[in-house]
Amino acid sequence: METKKTDKTLLVKGIKTLVFALLSLFIGPILMTMALGDKENSLYIPLLIVACLICAAAVFLIFKGIRTIMDSMFKKNN
């Protein structure tokens, strides 16, 4: 019987994805707070759109990173 081993390169790729997600988790809400704090600013709408996109990207990167890590541990390599 063959033992399953973790694919280390895929694991590192998943961890890097989660690091970018962590950065996005901090940057997105900070930008959103800055945008909502000064509604009279001319960059209110563009900054709010960018902040929402970064927050959505953070959620996507979290799911992608966790899935990559799970694939590195449990996927059968041929």
PDB file of N, CA and C in Angstrom:
ATOM      1  N   MET A   1       0.834  -1.175   0.000  1.00  0.00           N
ATOM      2  CA  MET A   1       0.000   0.000   0.000  1.00  0.00           C
ATOM      3  C   MET A   1       0.886   1.249   0.000  1.00  0.00           C
ATOM      4  N   GLU A   2       0.534   2.175  -0.840  1.00  0.00           N
ATOM      5  CA  GLU A   2       1.307   3.397  -0.995  1.00  0.00           C
ATOM      6  C   GLU A   2       0.849   4.441   0.012  1.00  0.00           C
ATOM      7  N   THR A   3       1.819   5.077   0.674  1.00  0.00           N
ATOM      8  CA  THR A   3       1.466   6.131   1.619  1.00  0.00           C
ATOM      9  C   THR A   3       1.368   7.460   0.884  1.00  0.00           C
ATOM     10  N   LYS A   4       0.434   8.272   1.301  1.00  0.00           N
ATOM     11  CA  LYS A   4       0.255   9.582   0.685  1.00  0.00           C
ATOM     12  C   LYS A   4       1.181  10.574   1.366  1.00  0.00           C
ATOM     13  N   LYS A   5       1.842  11.383   0.562  1.00  0.00           N
ATOM     14  CA  LYS A   5       2.732  12.406   1.090  1.00  0.00           C
ATOM     15  C   LYS A   5       2.232  13.777   0.656  1.00  0.00           C
ATOM     16  N   THR A   6       2.553  14.755   1.461  1.00  0.00           N
ATOM     17  CA  THR A   6       2.157  16.119   1.156  1.00  0.00           C
ATOM     18  C   THR A   6       3.043  16.676   0.048  1.00  0.00           C
ATOM     19  N   ASP A   7       2.418  17.278  -0.952  1.00  0.00           N
ATOM     20  CA  ASP A   7       3.157  17.942  -2.020  1.00  0.00           C
ATOM     21  C   ASP A   7       3.625  19.295  -1.486  1.00  0.00           C
ATOM     22  N   LYS A   8       4.915  19.383  -1.191  1.00  0.00           N
ATOM     23  CA  LYS A   8       5.453  20.563  -0.512  1.00  0.00           C
ATOM     24  C   LYS A   8       5.369  21.825  -1.368  1.00  0.00           C
ATOM     25  N   THR A   9       5.573  21.710  -2.670  1.00  0.00           N
ATOM     26  CA  THR A   9       5.506  22.902  -3.516  1.00  0.00           C
ATOM     27  C   THR A   9       4.091  23.451  -3.574  1.00  0.00           C
ATOM     28  N   LEU A  10       3.112  22.566  -3.630  1.00  0.00           N
ATOM     29  CA  LEU A  10       1.715  23.000  -3.638  1.00  0.00           C
ATOM     30  C   LEU A  10       1.323  23.584  -2.277  1.00  0.00           C
ATOM     31  N   LEU A  11       1.873  23.023  -1.217  1.00  0.00           N
ATOM     32  CA  LEU A  11       1.614  23.548   0.130  1.00  0.00           C
ATOM     33  C   LEU A  11       2.156  24.964   0.276  1.00  0.00           C
ATOM     34  N   VAL A  12       3.362  25.206  -0.212  1.00  0.00           N
ATOM     35  CA  VAL A  12       3.957  26.542  -0.140  1.00  0.00           C
ATOM     36  C   VAL A  12       3.145  27.533  -0.968  1.00  0.00           C
ATOM     37  N   LYS A  13       2.652  27.087  -2.127  1.00  0.00           N
ATOM     38  CA  LYS A  13       1.813  27.946  -2.963  1.00  0.00           C
ATOM     39  C   LYS A  13       0.528  28.335  -2.226  1.00  0.00           C
ATOM     40  N   GLY A  14      -0.072  27.400  -1.507  1.00  0.00           N
ATOM     41  CA  GLY A  14      -1.278  27.686  -0.734  1.00  0.00           C
ATOM     42  C   GLY A  14      -1.016  28.640   0.412  1.00  0.00           C
ATOM     43  N   ILE A  15       0.136  28.494   1.066  1.00  0.00           N
ATOM     44  CA  ILE A  15       0.483  29.385   2.168  1.00  0.00           C
ATOM     45  C   ILE A  15       0.736  30.797   1.648  1.00  0.00           C
ATOM     46  N   LYS A  16       1.385  30.918   0.490  1.00  0.00           N
ATOM     47  CA  LYS A  16       1.604  32.240  -0.103  1.00  0.00           C
ATOM     48  C   LYS A  16       0.273  32.906  -0.448  1.00  0.00           C
ATOM     49  N   THR A  17      -0.668  32.124  -0.942  1.00  0.00           N
ATOM     50  CA  THR A  17      -1.989  32.665  -1.260  1.00  0.00           C
ATOM     51  C   THR A  17      -2.678  33.175   0.005  1.00  0.00           C
ATOM     52  N   LEU A  18      -2.545  32.443   1.102  1.00  0.00           N
ATOM     53  CA  LEU A  18      -3.152  32.884   2.355  1.00  0.00           C
ATOM     54  C   LEU A  18      -2.470  34.136   2.915  1.00  0.00           C
ATOM     55  N   VAL A  19      -1.168  34.300   2.652  1.00  0.00           N
ATOM     56  CA  VAL A  19      -0.478  35.519   3.093  1.00  0.00           C
ATOM     57  C   VAL A  19      -1.034  36.732   2.344  1.00  0.00           C
ATOM     58  N   PHE A  20      -1.240  36.580   1.026  1.00  0.00           N
ATOM     59  CA  PHE A  20      -1.836  37.680   0.259  1.00  0.00           C
ATOM     60  C   PHE A  20      -3.264  37.953   0.717  1.00  0.00           C
ATOM     61  N   ALA A  21      -3.987  36.911   1.101  1.00  0.00           N
ATOM     62  CA  ALA A  21      -5.340  37.103   1.621  1.00  0.00           C
ATOM     63  C   ALA A  21      -5.302  37.859   2.944  1.00  0.00           C
ATOM     64  N   LEU A  22      -4.326  37.565   3.777  1.00  0.00           N
ATOM     65  CA  LEU A  22      -4.202  38.261   5.053  1.00  0.00           C
ATOM     66  C   LEU A  22      -3.908  39.743   4.844  1.00  0.00           C
ATOM     67  N   LEU A  23      -3.043  40.045   3.890  1.00  0.00           N
ATOM     68  CA  LEU A  23      -2.771  41.445   3.577  1.00  0.00           C
ATOM     69  C   LEU A  23      -4.027  42.144   3.064  1.00  0.00           C
ATOM     70  N   SER A  24      -4.781  41.459   2.217  1.00  0.00           N
ATOM     71  CA  SER A  24      -6.017  42.038   1.686  1.00  0.00           C
ATOM     72  C   SER A  24      -7.065  42.234   2.783  1.00  0.00           C
ATOM     73  N   LEU A  25      -7.049  41.339   3.776  1.00  0.00           N
ATOM     74  CA  LEU A  25      -7.992  41.471   4.884  1.00  0.00           C
ATOM     75  C   LEU A  25      -7.734  42.717   5.716  1.00  0.00           C
ATOM     76  N   PHE A  26      -6.512  43.205   5.722  1.00  0.00           N
ATOM     77  CA  PHE A  26      -6.211  44.434   6.443  1.00  0.00           C
ATOM     78  C   PHE A  26      -6.388  45.665   5.562  1.00  0.00           C
ATOM     79  N   ILE A  27      -5.946  45.588   4.324  1.00  0.00           N
ATOM     80  CA  ILE A  27      -5.970  46.762   3.442  1.00  0.00           C
ATOM     81  C   ILE A  27      -7.400  47.147   3.050  1.00  0.00           C
ATOM     82  N   GLY A  28      -8.242  46.163   2.736  1.00  0.00           N
ATOM     83  CA  GLY A  28      -9.612  46.440   2.295  1.00  0.00           C
ATOM     84  C   GLY A  28     -10.435  47.238   3.305  1.00  0.00           C
ATOM     85  N   PRO A  29     -10.552  46.768   4.546  1.00  0.00           N
ATOM     86  CA  PRO A  29     -11.330  47.541   5.526  1.00  0.00           C
ATOM     87  C   PRO A  29     -10.718  48.904   5.870  1.00  0.00           C
ATOM     88  N   ILE A  30      -9.386  49.012   5.823  1.00  0.00           N
ATOM     89  CA  ILE A  30      -8.759  50.311   6.080  1.00  0.00           C
ATOM     90  C   ILE A  30      -9.158  51.304   4.991  1.00  0.00           C
ATOM     91  N   LEU A  31      -9.097  50.876   3.736  1.00  0.00           N
ATOM     92  CA  LEU A  31      -9.504  51.751   2.639  1.00  0.00           C
ATOM     93  C   LEU A  31     -10.989  52.090   2.713  1.00  0.00           C
ATOM     94  N   MET A  32     -11.801  51.119   3.127  1.00  0.00           N
ATOM     95  CA  MET A  32     -13.235  51.365   3.235  1.00  0.00           C
ATOM     96  C   MET A  32     -13.527  52.386   4.338  1.00  0.00           C
ATOM     97  N   THR A  33     -12.808  52.294   5.434  1.00  0.00           N
ATOM     98  CA  THR A  33     -12.975  53.265   6.514  1.00  0.00           C
ATOM     99  C   THR A  33     -12.560  54.659   6.065  1.00  0.00           C
ATOM    100  N   MET A  34     -11.471  54.733   5.303  1.00  0.00           N
ATOM    101  CA  MET A  34     -11.026  56.031   4.788  1.00  0.00           C
ATOM    102  C   MET A  34     -12.056  56.615   3.825  1.00  0.00           C
ATOM    103  N   ALA A  35     -12.639  55.767   2.984  1.00  0.00           N
ATOM    104  CA  ALA A  35     -13.625  56.249   2.014  1.00  0.00           C
ATOM    105  C   ALA A  35     -14.907  56.707   2.710  1.00  0.00           C
ATOM    106  N   LEU A  36     -15.376  55.948   3.678  1.00  0.00           N
ATOM    107  CA  LEU A  36     -16.625  56.300   4.352  1.00  0.00           C
ATOM    108  C   LEU A  36     -16.454  57.433   5.351  1.00  0.00           C
ATOM    109  N   GLY A  37     -15.227  57.728   5.728  1.00  0.00           N
ATOM    110  CA  GLY A  37     -14.987  58.804   6.685  1.00  0.00           C
ATOM    111  C   GLY A  37     -15.115  60.187   6.084  1.00  0.00           C
ATOM    112  N   ASP A  38     -14.877  60.312   4.777  1.00  0.00           N
ATOM    113  CA  ASP A  38     -14.910  61.628   4.134  1.00  0.00           C
ATOM    114  C   ASP A  38     -15.728  61.516   2.848  1.00  0.00           C
ATOM    115  N   LYS A  39     -17.029  61.644   2.965  1.00  0.00           N
ATOM    116  CA  LYS A  39     -17.913  61.474   1.810  1.00  0.00           C
ATOM    117  C   LYS A  39     -17.899  62.661   0.861  1.00  0.00           C
ATOM    118  N   GLU A  40     -17.376  63.804   1.292  1.00  0.00           N
ATOM    119  CA  GLU A  40     -17.323  64.969   0.417  1.00  0.00           C
ATOM    120  C   GLU A  40     -16.113  64.941  -0.511  1.00  0.00           C
ATOM    121  N   ASN A  41     -15.211  64.028  -0.299  1.00  0.00           N
ATOM    122  CA  ASN A  41     -14.012  63.923  -1.122  1.00  0.00           C
ATOM    123  C   ASN A  41     -14.381  63.482  -2.538  1.00  0.00           C
ATOM    124  N   SER A  42     -13.634  63.968  -3.525  1.00  0.00           N
ATOM    125  CA  SER A  42     -13.937  63.618  -4.921  1.00  0.00           C
ATOM    126  C   SER A  42     -13.591  62.161  -5.231  1.00  0.00           C
ATOM    127  N   LEU A  43     -12.747  61.540  -4.415  1.00  0.00           N
ATOM    128  CA  LEU A  43     -12.373  60.136  -4.640  1.00  0.00           C
ATOM    129  C   LEU A  43     -13.198  59.164  -3.800  1.00  0.00           C
ATOM    130  N   TYR A  44     -14.336  59.616  -3.308  1.00  0.00           N
ATOM    131  CA  TYR A  44     -15.174  58.771  -2.445  1.00  0.00           C
ATOM    132  C   TYR A  44     -15.625  57.506  -3.165  1.00  0.00           C
ATOM    133  N   ILE A  45     -16.246  57.636  -4.303  1.00  0.00           N
ATOM    134  CA  ILE A  45     -16.789  56.481  -5.031  1.00  0.00           C
ATOM    135  C   ILE A  45     -15.673  55.548  -5.540  1.00  0.00           C
ATOM    136  N   PRO A  46     -14.629  56.075  -6.215  1.00  0.00           N
ATOM    137  CA  PRO A  46     -13.575  55.156  -6.680  1.00  0.00           C
ATOM    138  C   PRO A  46     -12.871  54.420  -5.537  1.00  0.00           C
ATOM    139  N   LEU A  47     -12.625  55.104  -4.425  1.00  0.00           N
ATOM    140  CA  LEU A  47     -11.961  54.466  -3.293  1.00  0.00           C
ATOM    141  C   LEU A  47     -12.860  53.417  -2.656  1.00  0.00           C
ATOM    142  N   LEU A  48     -14.147  53.684  -2.601  1.00  0.00           N
ATOM    143  CA  LEU A  48     -15.092  52.710  -2.053  1.00  0.00           C
ATOM    144  C   LEU A  48     -15.182  51.474  -2.945  1.00  0.00           C
ATOM    145  N   ILE A  49     -15.169  51.666  -4.251  1.00  0.00           N
ATOM    146  CA  ILE A  49     -15.205  50.531  -5.188  1.00  0.00           C
ATOM    147  C   ILE A  49     -13.949  49.684  -5.055  1.00  0.00           C
ATOM    148  N   VAL A  50     -12.798  50.337  -4.994  1.00  0.00           N
ATOM    149  CA  VAL A  50     -11.530  49.604  -4.845  1.00  0.00           C
ATOM    150  C   VAL A  50     -11.509  48.836  -3.526  1.00  0.00           C
ATOM    151  N   ALA A  51     -11.987  49.451  -2.449  1.00  0.00           N
ATOM    152  CA  ALA A  51     -12.003  48.785  -1.147  1.00  0.00           C
ATOM    153  C   ALA A  51     -12.910  47.554  -1.168  1.00  0.00           C
ATOM    154  N   CYS A  52     -14.075  47.675  -1.817  1.00  0.00           N
ATOM    155  CA  CYS A  52     -14.983  46.519  -1.915  1.00  0.00           C
ATOM    156  C   CYS A  52     -14.377  45.403  -2.750  1.00  0.00           C
ATOM    157  N   LEU A  53     -13.682  45.756  -3.816  1.00  0.00           N
ATOM    158  CA  LEU A  53     -13.023  44.741  -4.645  1.00  0.00           C
ATOM    159  C   LEU A  53     -11.901  44.039  -3.887  1.00  0.00           C
ATOM    160  N   ILE A  54     -11.154  44.786  -3.093  1.00  0.00           N
ATOM    161  CA  ILE A  54     -10.083  44.173  -2.305  1.00  0.00           C
ATOM    162  C   ILE A  54     -10.658  43.241  -1.247  1.00  0.00           C
ATOM    163  N   CYS A  55     -11.766  43.634  -0.623  1.00  0.00           N
ATOM    164  CA  CYS A  55     -12.422  42.764   0.363  1.00  0.00           C
ATOM    165  C   CYS A  55     -12.943  41.482  -0.288  1.00  0.00           C
ATOM    166  N   ALA A  56     -13.528  41.610  -1.470  1.00  0.00           N
ATOM    167  CA  ALA A  56     -14.009  40.428  -2.187  1.00  0.00           C
ATOM    168  C   ALA A  56     -12.839  39.539  -2.613  1.00  0.00           C
ATOM    169  N   ALA A  57     -11.739  40.154  -3.018  1.00  0.00           N
ATOM    170  CA  ALA A  57     -10.555  39.382  -3.395  1.00  0.00           C
ATOM    171  C   ALA A  57      -9.985  38.644  -2.190  1.00  0.00           C
ATOM    172  N   ALA A  58     -10.070  39.235  -1.017  1.00  0.00           N
ATOM    173  CA  ALA A  58      -9.576  38.573   0.191  1.00  0.00           C
ATOM    174  C   ALA A  58     -10.369  37.301   0.481  1.00  0.00           C
ATOM    175  N   VAL A  59     -11.673  37.381   0.347  1.00  0.00           N
ATOM    176  CA  VAL A  59     -12.512  36.199   0.580  1.00  0.00           C
ATOM    177  C   VAL A  59     -12.187  35.118  -0.445  1.00  0.00           C
ATOM    178  N   PHE A  60     -12.047  35.518  -1.710  1.00  0.00           N
ATOM    179  CA  PHE A  60     -11.700  34.563  -2.760  1.00  0.00           C
ATOM    180  C   PHE A  60     -10.339  33.915  -2.495  1.00  0.00           C
ATOM    181  N   LEU A  61      -9.358  34.715  -2.099  1.00  0.00           N
ATOM    182  CA  LEU A  61      -8.023  34.183  -1.849  1.00  0.00           C
ATOM    183  C   LEU A  61      -7.996  33.235  -0.655  1.00  0.00           C
ATOM    184  N   ILE A  62      -8.834  33.492   0.339  1.00  0.00           N
ATOM    185  CA  ILE A  62      -8.906  32.577   1.481  1.00  0.00           C
ATOM    186  C   ILE A  62      -9.395  31.204   1.028  1.00  0.00           C
ATOM    187  N   PHE A  63     -10.475  31.175   0.259  1.00  0.00           N
ATOM    188  CA  PHE A  63     -10.995  29.894  -0.213  1.00  0.00           C
ATOM    189  C   PHE A  63     -10.006  29.201  -1.141  1.00  0.00           C
ATOM    190  N   LYS A  64      -9.359  29.965  -2.017  1.00  0.00           N
ATOM    191  CA  LYS A  64      -8.393  29.383  -2.940  1.00  0.00           C
ATOM    192  C   LYS A  64      -7.183  28.836  -2.190  1.00  0.00           C
ATOM    193  N   GLY A  65      -6.703  29.559  -1.196  1.00  0.00           N
ATOM    194  CA  GLY A  65      -5.548  29.109  -0.428  1.00  0.00           C
ATOM    195  C   GLY A  65      -5.838  27.858   0.377  1.00  0.00           C
ATOM    196  N   ILE A  66      -6.996  27.819   1.023  1.00  0.00           N
ATOM    197  CA  ILE A  66      -7.355  26.629   1.805  1.00  0.00           C
ATOM    198  C   ILE A  66      -7.546  25.430   0.889  1.00  0.00           C
ATOM    199  N   ARG A  67      -8.155  25.652  -0.274  1.00  0.00           N
ATOM    200  CA  ARG A  67      -8.349  24.544  -1.211  1.00  0.00           C
ATOM    201  C   ARG A  67      -7.012  24.022  -1.731  1.00  0.00           C
ATOM    202  N   THR A  68      -6.071  24.927  -2.002  1.00  0.00           N
ATOM    203  CA  THR A  68      -4.754  24.508  -2.471  1.00  0.00           C
ATOM    204  C   THR A  68      -4.026  23.705  -1.405  1.00  0.00           C
ATOM    205  N   ILE A  69      -4.128  24.139  -0.160  1.00  0.00           N
ATOM    206  CA  ILE A  69      -3.488  23.395   0.928  1.00  0.00           C
ATOM    207  C   ILE A  69      -4.126  22.023   1.094  1.00  0.00           C
ATOM    208  N   MET A  70      -5.450  21.952   1.009  1.00  0.00           N
ATOM    209  CA  MET A  70      -6.121  20.649   1.121  1.00  0.00           C
ATOM    210  C   MET A  70      -5.747  19.724  -0.038  1.00  0.00           C
ATOM    211  N   ASP A  71      -5.628  20.292  -1.240  1.00  0.00           N
ATOM    212  CA  ASP A  71      -5.208  19.485  -2.384  1.00  0.00           C
ATOM    213  C   ASP A  71      -3.785  18.965  -2.204  1.00  0.00           C
ATOM    214  N   SER A  72      -2.923  19.767  -1.598  1.00  0.00           N
ATOM    215  CA  SER A  72      -1.544  19.324  -1.406  1.00  0.00           C
ATOM    216  C   SER A  72      -1.464  18.179  -0.400  1.00  0.00           C
ATOM    217  N   MET A  73      -2.394  18.119   0.520  1.00  0.00           N
ATOM    218  CA  MET A  73      -2.358  17.066   1.543  1.00  0.00           C
ATOM    219  C   MET A  73      -3.129  15.807   1.143  1.00  0.00           C
ATOM    220  N   PHE A  74      -4.277  15.972   0.501  1.00  0.00           N
ATOM    221  CA  PHE A  74      -5.170  14.837   0.322  1.00  0.00           C
ATOM    222  C   PHE A  74      -5.348  14.363  -1.114  1.00  0.00           C
ATOM    223  N   LYS A  75      -4.875  15.123  -2.096  1.00  0.00           N
ATOM    224  CA  LYS A  75      -5.068  14.723  -3.478  1.00  0.00           C
ATOM    225  C   LYS A  75      -4.092  13.604  -3.841  1.00  0.00           C
ATOM    226  N   LYS A  76      -4.590  12.623  -4.555  1.00  0.00           N
ATOM    227  CA  LYS A  76      -3.752  11.500  -4.957  1.00  0.00           C
ATOM    228  C   LYS A  76      -2.896  11.907  -6.138  1.00  0.00           C
ATOM    229  N   ASN A  77      -1.579  11.772  -5.999  1.00  0.00           N
ATOM    230  CA  ASN A  77      -0.658  12.113  -7.082  1.00  0.00           C
ATOM    231  C   ASN A  77      -0.413  10.885  -7.938  1.00  0.00           C
ATOM    232  N   ASN A  78      -0.486  11.064  -9.264  1.00  0.00           N
ATOM    233  CA  ASN A  78      -0.247   9.937 -10.169  1.00  0.00           C
ATOM    234  C   ASN A  78       1.196   9.901 -10.613  1.00  0.00           C
TER     235      ASN A  78
END
